[in-house]
């Protein structure tokens, strides 16, 4: 496998794993309906972790591109939420992750052309 593929796959997988970690923390700390919502988020985050592992086993560039775009959108959405709740860490962390994932994806796309 070539460097752009590995870098994009790693950034994408780390993004998905961090997202799952926040979901698990929300489940552990939530109660009532907030915990129910966190469980739904956790289920989706777990699916994204599994999906982000596929390129490591298959080498499928197209799959990696699709899951990378998905994680870019997820992290960008998280950054918007962070802005809405006026939390700098929950704004700049996901925004930086989204940007890093976008740069890695663009490098990958450029390298396969």
PDB file of N, CA and C in Angstrom:
ATOM      1  N   UNK A   1       0.847  -1.191   0.000  1.00  0.00           N
ATOM      2  CA  UNK A   1       0.000   0.000   0.000  1.00  0.00           C
ATOM      3  C   UNK A   1       0.880   1.239   0.000  1.00  0.00           C
ATOM      4  N   UNK A   2       0.389   2.271  -0.577  1.00  0.00           N
ATOM      5  CA  UNK A   2       1.168   3.493  -0.702  1.00  0.00           C
ATOM      6  C   UNK A   2       0.828   4.477   0.413  1.00  0.00           C
ATOM      7  N   UNK A   3       1.730   5.435   0.616  1.00  0.00           N
ATOM      8  CA  UNK A   3       1.626   6.365   1.753  1.00  0.00           C
ATOM      9  C   UNK A   3       0.307   7.135   1.808  1.00  0.00           C
ATOM     10  N   UNK A   4      -0.165   7.735   0.710  1.00  0.00           N
ATOM     11  CA  UNK A   4      -1.433   8.479   0.824  1.00  0.00           C
ATOM     12  C   UNK A   4      -2.593   7.604   1.289  1.00  0.00           C
ATOM     13  N   UNK A   5      -2.615   6.358   0.838  1.00  0.00           N
ATOM     14  CA  UNK A   5      -3.671   5.435   1.254  1.00  0.00           C
ATOM     15  C   UNK A   5      -3.585   5.170   2.753  1.00  0.00           C
ATOM     16  N   UNK A   6      -2.388   4.849   3.222  1.00  0.00           N
ATOM     17  CA  UNK A   6      -2.194   4.535   4.643  1.00  0.00           C
ATOM     18  C   UNK A   6      -2.523   5.734   5.517  1.00  0.00           C
ATOM     19  N   UNK A   7      -2.046   6.910   5.126  1.00  0.00           N
ATOM     20  CA  UNK A   7      -2.305   8.118   5.921  1.00  0.00           C
ATOM     21  C   UNK A   7      -3.800   8.404   5.977  1.00  0.00           C
ATOM     22  N   UNK A   8      -4.474   8.348   4.845  1.00  0.00           N
ATOM     23  CA  UNK A   8      -5.910   8.618   4.811  1.00  0.00           C
ATOM     24  C   UNK A   8      -6.668   7.572   5.630  1.00  0.00           C
ATOM     25  N   UNK A   9      -6.283   6.312   5.505  1.00  0.00           N
ATOM     26  CA  UNK A   9      -6.946   5.248   6.256  1.00  0.00           C
ATOM     27  C   UNK A   9      -6.738   5.433   7.756  1.00  0.00           C
ATOM     28  N   UNK A  10      -5.537   5.804   8.159  1.00  0.00           N
ATOM     29  CA  UNK A  10      -5.258   6.010   9.585  1.00  0.00           C
ATOM     30  C   UNK A  10      -6.027   7.195  10.148  1.00  0.00           C
ATOM     31  N   UNK A  11      -6.010   8.314   9.431  1.00  0.00           N
ATOM     32  CA  UNK A  11      -6.729   9.503   9.908  1.00  0.00           C
ATOM     33  C   UNK A  11      -8.225   9.214   9.991  1.00  0.00           C
ATOM     34  N   UNK A  12      -8.749   8.528   8.998  1.00  0.00           N
ATOM     35  CA  UNK A  12     -10.172   8.188   8.980  1.00  0.00           C
ATOM     36  C   UNK A  12     -10.529   7.256  10.138  1.00  0.00           C
ATOM     37  N   UNK A  13      -9.725   6.227  10.349  1.00  0.00           N
ATOM     38  CA  UNK A  13      -9.993   5.277  11.435  1.00  0.00           C
ATOM     39  C   UNK A  13      -9.866   5.955  12.800  1.00  0.00           C
ATOM     40  N   UNK A  14      -8.843   6.773  12.980  1.00  0.00           N
ATOM     41  CA  UNK A  14      -8.689   7.480  14.255  1.00  0.00           C
ATOM     42  C   UNK A  14      -9.865   8.407  14.505  1.00  0.00           C
ATOM     43  N   UNK A  15     -10.338   9.061  13.470  1.00  0.00           N
ATOM     44  CA  UNK A  15     -11.502   9.932  13.595  1.00  0.00           C
ATOM     45  C   UNK A  15     -12.722   9.139  14.057  1.00  0.00           C
ATOM     46  N   UNK A  16     -12.919   7.976  13.455  1.00  0.00           N
ATOM     47  CA  UNK A  16     -14.058   7.129  13.826  1.00  0.00           C
ATOM     48  C   UNK A  16     -13.914   6.601  15.253  1.00  0.00           C
ATOM     49  N   UNK A  17     -12.702   6.240  15.641  1.00  0.00           N
ATOM     50  CA  UNK A  17     -12.467   5.721  16.985  1.00  0.00           C
ATOM     51  C   UNK A  17     -12.702   6.801  18.038  1.00  0.00           C
ATOM     52  N   UNK A  18     -12.222   8.017  17.775  1.00  0.00           N
ATOM     53  CA  UNK A  18     -12.449   9.128  18.709  1.00  0.00           C
ATOM     54  C   UNK A  18     -13.944   9.411  18.841  1.00  0.00           C
ATOM     55  N   UNK A  19     -14.639   9.388  17.720  1.00  0.00           N
ATOM     56  CA  UNK A  19     -16.086   9.597  17.739  1.00  0.00           C
ATOM     57  C   UNK A  19     -16.773   8.531  18.583  1.00  0.00           C
ATOM     58  N   UNK A  20     -16.354   7.278  18.431  1.00  0.00           N
ATOM     59  CA  UNK A  20     -16.913   6.200  19.239  1.00  0.00           C
ATOM     60  C   UNK A  20     -16.610   6.418  20.721  1.00  0.00           C
ATOM     61  N   UNK A  21     -15.410   6.867  21.022  1.00  0.00           N
ATOM     62  CA  UNK A  21     -15.042   7.125  22.411  1.00  0.00           C
ATOM     63  C   UNK A  21     -15.939   8.151  23.075  1.00  0.00           C
ATOM     64  N   UNK A  22     -16.232   9.241  22.350  1.00  0.00           N
ATOM     65  CA  UNK A  22     -17.137  10.250  22.892  1.00  0.00           C
ATOM     66  C   UNK A  22     -18.552   9.694  23.061  1.00  0.00           C
ATOM     67  N   UNK A  23     -18.965   8.837  22.138  1.00  0.00           N
ATOM     68  CA  UNK A  23     -20.295   8.221  22.244  1.00  0.00           C
ATOM     69  C   UNK A  23     -20.376   7.299  23.451  1.00  0.00           C
ATOM     70  N   UNK A  24     -19.345   6.515  23.668  1.00  0.00           N
ATOM     71  CA  UNK A  24     -19.318   5.606  24.818  1.00  0.00           C
ATOM     72  C   UNK A  24     -19.337   6.412  26.118  1.00  0.00           C
ATOM     73  N   UNK A  25     -18.565   7.490  26.165  1.00  0.00           N
ATOM     74  CA  UNK A  25     -18.552   8.346  27.361  1.00  0.00           C
ATOM     75  C   UNK A  25     -19.934   8.931  27.617  1.00  0.00           C
ATOM     76  N   UNK A  26     -20.628   9.323  26.549  1.00  0.00           N
ATOM     77  CA  UNK A  26     -21.978   9.870  26.704  1.00  0.00           C
ATOM     78  C   UNK A  26     -22.939   8.813  27.238  1.00  0.00           C
ATOM     79  N   UNK A  27     -22.773   7.566  26.806  1.00  0.00           N
ATOM     80  CA  UNK A  27     -23.612   6.476  27.317  1.00  0.00           C
ATOM     81  C   UNK A  27     -23.347   6.262  28.803  1.00  0.00           C
ATOM     82  N   UNK A  28     -22.077   6.267  29.177  1.00  0.00           N
ATOM     83  CA  UNK A  28     -21.707   6.015  30.577  1.00  0.00           C
ATOM     84  C   UNK A  28     -22.187   7.125  31.510  1.00  0.00           C
ATOM     85  N   UNK A  29     -22.204   8.359  31.008  1.00  0.00           N
ATOM     86  CA  UNK A  29     -22.563   9.501  31.853  1.00  0.00           C
ATOM     87  C   UNK A  29     -24.021   9.929  31.716  1.00  0.00           C
ATOM     88  N   UNK A  30     -24.716   9.395  30.719  1.00  0.00           N
ATOM     89  CA  UNK A  30     -26.082   9.828  30.460  1.00  0.00           C
ATOM     90  C   UNK A  30     -27.112   9.087  31.297  1.00  0.00           C
ATOM     91  N   UNK A  31     -28.246   9.739  31.440  1.00  0.00           N
ATOM     92  CA  UNK A  31     -29.383   9.111  32.121  1.00  0.00           C
ATOM     93  C   UNK A  31     -30.651   9.417  31.328  1.00  0.00           C
ATOM     94  N   UNK A  32     -31.625   8.574  31.482  1.00  0.00           N
ATOM     95  CA  UNK A  32     -32.921   8.808  30.853  1.00  0.00           C
ATOM     96  C   UNK A  32     -32.846   8.912  29.346  1.00  0.00           C
ATOM     97  N   UNK A  33     -33.539   9.898  28.804  1.00  0.00           N
ATOM     98  CA  UNK A  33     -33.604  10.052  27.349  1.00  0.00           C
ATOM     99  C   UNK A  33     -32.253  10.454  26.759  1.00  0.00           C
ATOM    100  N   UNK A  34     -31.427  11.163  27.526  1.00  0.00           N
ATOM    101  CA  UNK A  34     -30.089  11.524  27.035  1.00  0.00           C
ATOM    102  C   UNK A  34     -29.252  10.266  26.816  1.00  0.00           C
ATOM    103  N   UNK A  35     -29.407   9.288  27.692  1.00  0.00           N
ATOM    104  CA  UNK A  35     -28.672   8.030  27.537  1.00  0.00           C
ATOM    105  C   UNK A  35     -29.181   7.259  26.320  1.00  0.00           C
ATOM    106  N   UNK A  36     -30.475   7.302  26.092  1.00  0.00           N
ATOM    107  CA  UNK A  36     -31.044   6.631  24.920  1.00  0.00           C
ATOM    108  C   UNK A  36     -30.486   7.219  23.632  1.00  0.00           C
ATOM    109  N   UNK A  37     -30.434   8.542  23.552  1.00  0.00           N
ATOM    110  CA  UNK A  37     -29.866   9.202  22.373  1.00  0.00           C
ATOM    111  C   UNK A  37     -28.395   8.830  22.231  1.00  0.00           C
ATOM    112  N   UNK A  38     -27.676   8.788  23.346  1.00  0.00           N
ATOM    113  CA  UNK A  38     -26.259   8.418  23.314  1.00  0.00           C
ATOM    114  C   UNK A  38     -26.070   6.980  22.830  1.00  0.00           C
ATOM    115  N   UNK A  39     -26.980   6.091  23.187  1.00  0.00           N
ATOM    116  CA  UNK A  39     -26.900   4.714  22.708  1.00  0.00           C
ATOM    117  C   UNK A  39     -27.051   4.648  21.189  1.00  0.00           C
ATOM    118  N   UNK A  40     -27.957   5.433  20.642  1.00  0.00           N
ATOM    119  CA  UNK A  40     -28.107   5.500  19.183  1.00  0.00           C
ATOM    120  C   UNK A  40     -26.823   6.025  18.533  1.00  0.00           C
ATOM    121  N   UNK A  41     -26.252   7.082  19.102  1.00  0.00           N
ATOM    122  CA  UNK A  41     -25.004   7.636  18.574  1.00  0.00           C
ATOM    123  C   UNK A  41     -23.874   6.612  18.665  1.00  0.00           C
ATOM    124  N   UNK A  42     -23.864   5.865  19.741  1.00  0.00           N
ATOM    125  CA  UNK A  42     -22.845   4.844  19.943  1.00  0.00           C
ATOM    126  C   UNK A  42     -22.960   3.736  18.889  1.00  0.00           C
ATOM    127  N   UNK A  43     -24.174   3.328  18.592  1.00  0.00           N
ATOM    128  CA  UNK A  43     -24.381   2.293  17.570  1.00  0.00           C
ATOM    129  C   UNK A  43     -23.870   2.764  16.213  1.00  0.00           C
ATOM    130  N   UNK A  44     -24.170   3.986  15.865  1.00  0.00           N
ATOM    131  CA  UNK A  44     -23.707   4.522  14.582  1.00  0.00           C
ATOM    132  C   UNK A  44     -22.194   4.694  14.563  1.00  0.00           C
ATOM    133  N   UNK A  45     -21.641   5.149  15.667  1.00  0.00           N
ATOM    134  CA  UNK A  45     -20.193   5.315  15.745  1.00  0.00           C
ATOM    135  C   UNK A  45     -19.470   3.980  15.643  1.00  0.00           C
ATOM    136  N   UNK A  46     -20.015   2.953  16.253  1.00  0.00           N
ATOM    137  CA  UNK A  46     -19.411   1.617  16.161  1.00  0.00           C
ATOM    138  C   UNK A  46     -19.418   1.131  14.713  1.00  0.00           C
ATOM    139  N   UNK A  47     -20.501   1.389  14.009  1.00  0.00           N
ATOM    140  CA  UNK A  47     -20.575   1.002  12.596  1.00  0.00           C
ATOM    141  C   UNK A  47     -19.516   1.734  11.774  1.00  0.00           C
ATOM    142  N   UNK A  48     -19.278   2.996  12.076  1.00  0.00           N
ATOM    143  CA  UNK A  48     -18.259   3.764  11.353  1.00  0.00           C
ATOM    144  C   UNK A  48     -16.854   3.239  11.639  1.00  0.00           C
ATOM    145  N   UNK A  49     -16.612   2.775  12.855  1.00  0.00           N
ATOM    146  CA  UNK A  49     -15.309   2.180  13.176  1.00  0.00           C
ATOM    147  C   UNK A  49     -15.103   0.918  12.340  1.00  0.00           C
ATOM    148  N   UNK A  50     -16.114   0.073  12.274  1.00  0.00           N
ATOM    149  CA  UNK A  50     -16.013  -1.147  11.474  1.00  0.00           C
ATOM    150  C   UNK A  50     -15.799  -0.787   9.997  1.00  0.00           C
ATOM    151  N   UNK A  51     -16.568   0.163   9.494  1.00  0.00           N
ATOM    152  CA  UNK A  51     -16.434   0.572   8.091  1.00  0.00           C
ATOM    153  C   UNK A  51     -15.057   1.158   7.805  1.00  0.00           C
ATOM    154  N   UNK A  52     -14.493   1.864   8.781  1.00  0.00           N
ATOM    155  CA  UNK A  52     -13.175   2.468   8.557  1.00  0.00           C
ATOM    156  C   UNK A  52     -12.048   1.444   8.608  1.00  0.00           C
ATOM    157  N   UNK A  53     -12.318   0.254   9.141  1.00  0.00           N
ATOM    158  CA  UNK A  53     -11.312  -0.807   9.177  1.00  0.00           C
ATOM    159  C   UNK A  53     -11.227  -1.564   7.850  1.00  0.00           C
ATOM    160  N   UNK A  54     -12.279  -1.545   7.067  1.00  0.00           N
ATOM    161  CA  UNK A  54     -12.343  -2.313   5.820  1.00  0.00           C
ATOM    162  C   UNK A  54     -11.168  -2.028   4.883  1.00  0.00           C
ATOM    163  N   UNK A  55     -10.788  -0.766   4.644  1.00  0.00           N
ATOM    164  CA  UNK A  55      -9.675  -0.519   3.717  1.00  0.00           C
ATOM    165  C   UNK A  55      -8.354  -1.176   4.137  1.00  0.00           C
ATOM    166  N   UNK A  56      -8.118  -1.336   5.431  1.00  0.00           N
ATOM    167  CA  UNK A  56      -6.884  -1.977   5.884  1.00  0.00           C
ATOM    168  C   UNK A  56      -6.819  -3.437   5.456  1.00  0.00           C
ATOM    169  N   UNK A  57      -7.973  -4.072   5.337  1.00  0.00           N
ATOM    170  CA  UNK A  57      -8.022  -5.484   4.981  1.00  0.00           C
ATOM    171  C   UNK A  57      -8.195  -5.721   3.484  1.00  0.00           C
ATOM    172  N   UNK A  58      -8.773  -4.742   2.794  1.00  0.00           N
ATOM    173  CA  UNK A  58      -9.095  -4.943   1.380  1.00  0.00           C
ATOM    174  C   UNK A  58      -8.239  -4.125   0.422  1.00  0.00           C
ATOM    175  N   UNK A  59      -7.760  -2.969   0.887  1.00  0.00           N
ATOM    176  CA  UNK A  59      -7.021  -2.070   0.011  1.00  0.00           C
ATOM    177  C   UNK A  59      -7.908  -1.315  -0.963  1.00  0.00           C
ATOM    178  N   UNK A  60      -9.203  -1.312  -0.720  1.00  0.00           N
ATOM    179  CA  UNK A  60     -10.149  -0.656  -1.622  1.00  0.00           C
ATOM    180  C   UNK A  60     -10.088   0.858  -1.460  1.00  0.00           C
ATOM    181  N   UNK A  61      -9.567   1.512  -2.473  1.00  0.00           N
ATOM    182  CA  UNK A  61      -9.459   2.968  -2.453  1.00  0.00           C
ATOM    183  C   UNK A  61     -10.829   3.624  -2.478  1.00  0.00           C
ATOM    184  N   UNK A  62     -11.741   3.080  -3.279  1.00  0.00           N
ATOM    185  CA  UNK A  62     -13.077   3.673  -3.383  1.00  0.00           C
ATOM    186  C   UNK A  62     -13.810   3.629  -2.035  1.00  0.00           C
ATOM    187  N   UNK A  63     -13.667   2.523  -1.321  1.00  0.00           N
ATOM    188  CA  UNK A  63     -14.309   2.395  -0.009  1.00  0.00           C
ATOM    189  C   UNK A  63     -13.701   3.414   0.950  1.00  0.00           C
ATOM    190  N   UNK A  64     -12.371   3.537   0.904  1.00  0.00           N
ATOM    191  CA  UNK A  64     -11.696   4.494   1.774  1.00  0.00           C
ATOM    192  C   UNK A  64     -12.166   5.908   1.475  1.00  0.00           C
ATOM    193  N   UNK A  65     -12.291   6.250   0.208  1.00  0.00           N
ATOM    194  CA  UNK A  65     -12.775   7.583  -0.154  1.00  0.00           C
ATOM    195  C   UNK A  65     -14.174   7.823   0.414  1.00  0.00           C
ATOM    196  N   UNK A  66     -15.040   6.836   0.309  1.00  0.00           N
ATOM    197  CA  UNK A  66     -16.415   6.986   0.800  1.00  0.00           C
ATOM    198  C   UNK A  66     -16.448   7.163   2.318  1.00  0.00           C
ATOM    199  N   UNK A  67     -15.716   6.342   3.052  1.00  0.00           N
ATOM    200  CA  UNK A  67     -15.755   6.446   4.517  1.00  0.00           C
ATOM    201  C   UNK A  67     -15.019   7.699   4.981  1.00  0.00           C
ATOM    202  N   UNK A  68     -13.987   8.110   4.244  1.00  0.00           N
ATOM    203  CA  UNK A  68     -13.288   9.354   4.594  1.00  0.00           C
ATOM    204  C   UNK A  68     -14.238  10.548   4.445  1.00  0.00           C
ATOM    205  N   UNK A  69     -14.976  10.609   3.331  1.00  0.00           N
ATOM    206  CA  UNK A  69     -15.954  11.697   3.155  1.00  0.00           C
ATOM    207  C   UNK A  69     -16.986  11.660   4.278  1.00  0.00           C
ATOM    208  N   UNK A  70     -17.405  10.458   4.656  1.00  0.00           N
ATOM    209  CA  UNK A  70     -18.387  10.325   5.737  1.00  0.00           C
ATOM    210  C   UNK A  70     -17.844  10.894   7.037  1.00  0.00           C
ATOM    211  N   UNK A  71     -16.616  10.542   7.389  1.00  0.00           N
ATOM    212  CA  UNK A  71     -16.035  11.030   8.644  1.00  0.00           C
ATOM    213  C   UNK A  71     -15.745  12.531   8.580  1.00  0.00           C
ATOM    214  N   UNK A  72     -15.417  13.038   7.410  1.00  0.00           N
ATOM    215  CA  UNK A  72     -15.233  14.491   7.256  1.00  0.00           C
ATOM    216  C   UNK A  72     -16.543  15.205   7.588  1.00  0.00           C
ATOM    217  N   UNK A  73     -17.641  14.691   7.062  1.00  0.00           N
ATOM    218  CA  UNK A  73     -18.949  15.290   7.329  1.00  0.00           C
ATOM    219  C   UNK A  73     -19.353  15.138   8.798  1.00  0.00           C
ATOM    220  N   UNK A  74     -19.087  13.977   9.385  1.00  0.00           N
ATOM    221  CA  UNK A  74     -19.415  13.757  10.798  1.00  0.00           C
ATOM    222  C   UNK A  74     -18.649  14.750  11.670  1.00  0.00           C
ATOM    223  N   UNK A  75     -17.347  14.867  11.448  1.00  0.00           N
ATOM    224  CA  UNK A  75     -16.534  15.758  12.276  1.00  0.00           C
ATOM    225  C   UNK A  75     -16.882  17.224  12.023  1.00  0.00           C
ATOM    226  N   UNK A  76     -17.191  17.584  10.788  1.00  0.00           N
ATOM    227  CA  UNK A  76     -17.619  18.955  10.507  1.00  0.00           C
ATOM    228  C   UNK A  76     -18.933  19.251  11.227  1.00  0.00           C
ATOM    229  N   UNK A  77     -19.838  18.286  11.219  1.00  0.00           N
ATOM    230  CA  UNK A  77     -21.096  18.449  11.951  1.00  0.00           C
ATOM    231  C   UNK A  77     -20.858  18.589  13.445  1.00  0.00           C
ATOM    232  N   UNK A  78     -19.927  17.808  13.972  1.00  0.00           N
ATOM    233  CA  UNK A  78     -19.586  17.928  15.393  1.00  0.00           C
ATOM    234  C   UNK A  78     -19.011  19.312  15.706  1.00  0.00           C
ATOM    235  N   UNK A  79     -18.225  19.853  14.794  1.00  0.00           N
ATOM    236  CA  UNK A  79     -17.668  21.197  14.992  1.00  0.00           C
ATOM    237  C   UNK A  79     -18.780  22.241  15.023  1.00  0.00           C
ATOM    238  N   UNK A  80     -19.770  22.085  14.164  1.00  0.00           N
ATOM    239  CA  UNK A  80     -20.913  23.003  14.172  1.00  0.00           C
ATOM    240  C   UNK A  80     -21.651  22.914  15.500  1.00  0.00           C
ATOM    241  N   UNK A  81     -21.834  21.697  15.993  1.00  0.00           N
ATOM    242  CA  UNK A  81     -22.487  21.520  17.301  1.00  0.00           C
ATOM    243  C   UNK A  81     -21.648  22.178  18.389  1.00  0.00           C
ATOM    244  N   UNK A  82     -20.332  22.003  18.334  1.00  0.00           N
ATOM    245  CA  UNK A  82     -19.451  22.639  19.305  1.00  0.00           C
ATOM    246  C   UNK A  82     -19.591  24.147  19.302  1.00  0.00           C
ATOM    247  N   UNK A  83     -19.748  24.725  18.121  1.00  0.00           N
ATOM    248  CA  UNK A  83     -19.968  26.169  18.004  1.00  0.00           C
ATOM    249  C   UNK A  83     -21.303  26.557  18.622  1.00  0.00           C
ATOM    250  N   UNK A  84     -22.316  25.750  18.350  1.00  0.00           N
ATOM    251  CA  UNK A  84     -23.663  26.021  18.862  1.00  0.00           C
ATOM    252  C   UNK A  84     -23.704  26.020  20.382  1.00  0.00           C
ATOM    253  N   UNK A  85     -22.968  25.099  21.008  1.00  0.00           N
ATOM    254  CA  UNK A  85     -22.976  25.025  22.465  1.00  0.00           C
ATOM    255  C   UNK A  85     -21.860  25.860  23.084  1.00  0.00           C
ATOM    256  N   UNK A  86     -21.141  26.603  22.236  1.00  0.00           N
ATOM    257  CA  UNK A  86     -20.089  27.523  22.667  1.00  0.00           C
ATOM    258  C   UNK A  86     -18.991  26.812  23.463  1.00  0.00           C
ATOM    259  N   UNK A  87     -18.539  25.663  22.938  1.00  0.00           N
ATOM    260  CA  UNK A  87     -17.468  24.894  23.557  1.00  0.00           C
ATOM    261  C   UNK A  87     -16.293  24.851  22.583  1.00  0.00           C
ATOM    262  N   UNK A  88     -15.231  25.565  22.917  1.00  0.00           N
ATOM    263  CA  UNK A  88     -14.081  25.692  22.011  1.00  0.00           C
ATOM    264  C   UNK A  88     -13.446  24.333  21.699  1.00  0.00           C
ATOM    265  N   UNK A  89     -13.304  23.490  22.705  1.00  0.00           N
ATOM    266  CA  UNK A  89     -12.669  22.186  22.501  1.00  0.00           C
ATOM    267  C   UNK A  89     -13.514  21.313  21.570  1.00  0.00           C
ATOM    268  N   UNK A  90     -14.839  21.384  21.734  1.00  0.00           N
ATOM    269  CA  UNK A  90     -15.730  20.587  20.895  1.00  0.00           C
ATOM    270  C   UNK A  90     -15.975  21.239  19.542  1.00  0.00           C
ATOM    271  N   UNK A  91     -15.399  22.417  19.342  1.00  0.00           N
ATOM    272  CA  UNK A  91     -15.438  23.070  18.035  1.00  0.00           C
ATOM    273  C   UNK A  91     -14.140  22.814  17.285  1.00  0.00           C
ATOM    274  N   UNK A  92     -13.015  23.171  17.909  1.00  0.00           N
ATOM    275  CA  UNK A  92     -11.733  23.107  17.212  1.00  0.00           C
ATOM    276  C   UNK A  92     -11.189  21.690  17.079  1.00  0.00           C
ATOM    277  N   UNK A  93     -11.482  20.805  18.023  1.00  0.00           N
ATOM    278  CA  UNK A  93     -11.045  19.413  17.908  1.00  0.00           C
ATOM    279  C   UNK A  93     -11.631  18.737  16.679  1.00  0.00           C
ATOM    280  N   UNK A  94     -12.961  18.703  16.576  1.00  0.00           N
ATOM    281  CA  UNK A  94     -13.557  18.089  15.379  1.00  0.00           C
ATOM    282  C   UNK A  94     -13.237  18.839  14.080  1.00  0.00           C
ATOM    283  N   UNK A  95     -13.151  20.167  14.155  1.00  0.00           N
ATOM    284  CA  UNK A  95     -12.820  20.935  12.944  1.00  0.00           C
ATOM    285  C   UNK A  95     -11.420  20.570  12.457  1.00  0.00           C
ATOM    286  N   UNK A  96     -10.478  20.457  13.388  1.00  0.00           N
ATOM    287  CA  UNK A  96      -9.114  20.074  13.016  1.00  0.00           C
ATOM    288  C   UNK A  96      -9.051  18.663  12.465  1.00  0.00           C
ATOM    289  N   UNK A  97      -9.800  17.759  13.072  1.00  0.00           N
ATOM    290  CA  UNK A  97      -9.847  16.379  12.595  1.00  0.00           C
ATOM    291  C   UNK A  97     -10.459  16.313  11.203  1.00  0.00           C
ATOM    292  N   UNK A  98     -11.521  17.071  11.005  1.00  0.00           N
ATOM    293  CA  UNK A  98     -12.172  17.113   9.698  1.00  0.00           C
ATOM    294  C   UNK A  98     -11.219  17.650   8.629  1.00  0.00           C
ATOM    295  N   UNK A  99     -10.500  18.695   8.971  1.00  0.00           N
ATOM    296  CA  UNK A  99      -9.541  19.284   8.027  1.00  0.00           C
ATOM    297  C   UNK A  99      -8.410  18.310   7.727  1.00  0.00           C
ATOM    298  N   UNK A 100      -7.869  17.657   8.751  1.00  0.00           N
ATOM    299  CA  UNK A 100      -6.797  16.680   8.541  1.00  0.00           C
ATOM    300  C   UNK A 100      -7.275  15.538   7.645  1.00  0.00           C
ATOM    301  N   UNK A 101      -8.504  15.093   7.874  1.00  0.00           N
ATOM    302  CA  UNK A 101      -9.065  14.020   7.058  1.00  0.00           C
ATOM    303  C   UNK A 101      -9.266  14.481   5.614  1.00  0.00           C
ATOM    304  N   UNK A 102      -9.726  15.721   5.447  1.00  0.00           N
ATOM    305  CA  UNK A 102      -9.909  16.260   4.097  1.00  0.00           C
ATOM    306  C   UNK A 102      -8.578  16.353   3.360  1.00  0.00           C
ATOM    307  N   UNK A 103      -7.546  16.839   4.029  1.00  0.00           N
ATOM    308  CA  UNK A 103      -6.226  16.945   3.396  1.00  0.00           C
ATOM    309  C   UNK A 103      -5.686  15.565   3.026  1.00  0.00           C
ATOM    310  N   UNK A 104      -5.844  14.592   3.920  1.00  0.00           N
ATOM    311  CA  UNK A 104      -5.393  13.232   3.626  1.00  0.00           C
ATOM    312  C   UNK A 104      -6.163  12.641   2.451  1.00  0.00           C
ATOM    313  N   UNK A 105      -7.461  12.900   2.405  1.00  0.00           N
ATOM    314  CA  UNK A 105      -8.284  12.401   1.302  1.00  0.00           C
ATOM    315  C   UNK A 105      -7.888  13.052  -0.018  1.00  0.00           C
ATOM    316  N   UNK A 106      -7.674  14.346  -0.009  1.00  0.00           N
ATOM    317  CA  UNK A 106      -7.268  15.035  -1.238  1.00  0.00           C
ATOM    318  C   UNK A 106      -5.914  14.520  -1.731  1.00  0.00           C
ATOM    319  N   UNK A 107      -5.004  14.220  -0.810  1.00  0.00           N
ATOM    320  CA  UNK A 107      -3.714  13.643  -1.177  1.00  0.00           C
ATOM    321  C   UNK A 107      -3.923  12.276  -1.825  1.00  0.00           C
ATOM    322  N   UNK A 108      -4.799  11.485  -1.248  1.00  0.00           N
ATOM    323  CA  UNK A 108      -5.110  10.175  -1.806  1.00  0.00           C
ATOM    324  C   UNK A 108      -5.695  10.297  -3.212  1.00  0.00           C
ATOM    325  N   UNK A 109      -6.686  11.168  -3.354  1.00  0.00           N
ATOM    326  CA  UNK A 109      -7.338  11.348  -4.665  1.00  0.00           C
ATOM    327  C   UNK A 109      -6.325  11.814  -5.710  1.00  0.00           C
ATOM    328  N   UNK A 110      -5.479  12.756  -5.327  1.00  0.00           N
ATOM    329  CA  UNK A 110      -4.466  13.281  -6.242  1.00  0.00           C
ATOM    330  C   UNK A 110      -3.469  12.193  -6.631  1.00  0.00           C
ATOM    331  N   UNK A 111      -3.161  11.289  -5.715  1.00  0.00           N
ATOM    332  CA  UNK A 111      -2.142  10.264  -5.984  1.00  0.00           C
ATOM    333  C   UNK A 111      -2.635   9.148  -6.893  1.00  0.00           C
ATOM    334  N   UNK A 112      -3.948   8.945  -6.954  1.00  0.00           N
ATOM    335  CA  UNK A 112      -4.469   7.867  -7.795  1.00  0.00           C
ATOM    336  C   UNK A 112      -4.864   8.335  -9.188  1.00  0.00           C
ATOM    337  N   UNK A 113      -4.728   9.607  -9.438  1.00  0.00           N
ATOM    338  CA  UNK A 113      -5.085  10.119 -10.780  1.00  0.00           C
ATOM    339  C   UNK A 113      -3.946   9.971 -11.752  1.00  0.00           C
TER     340      UNK A 113
END
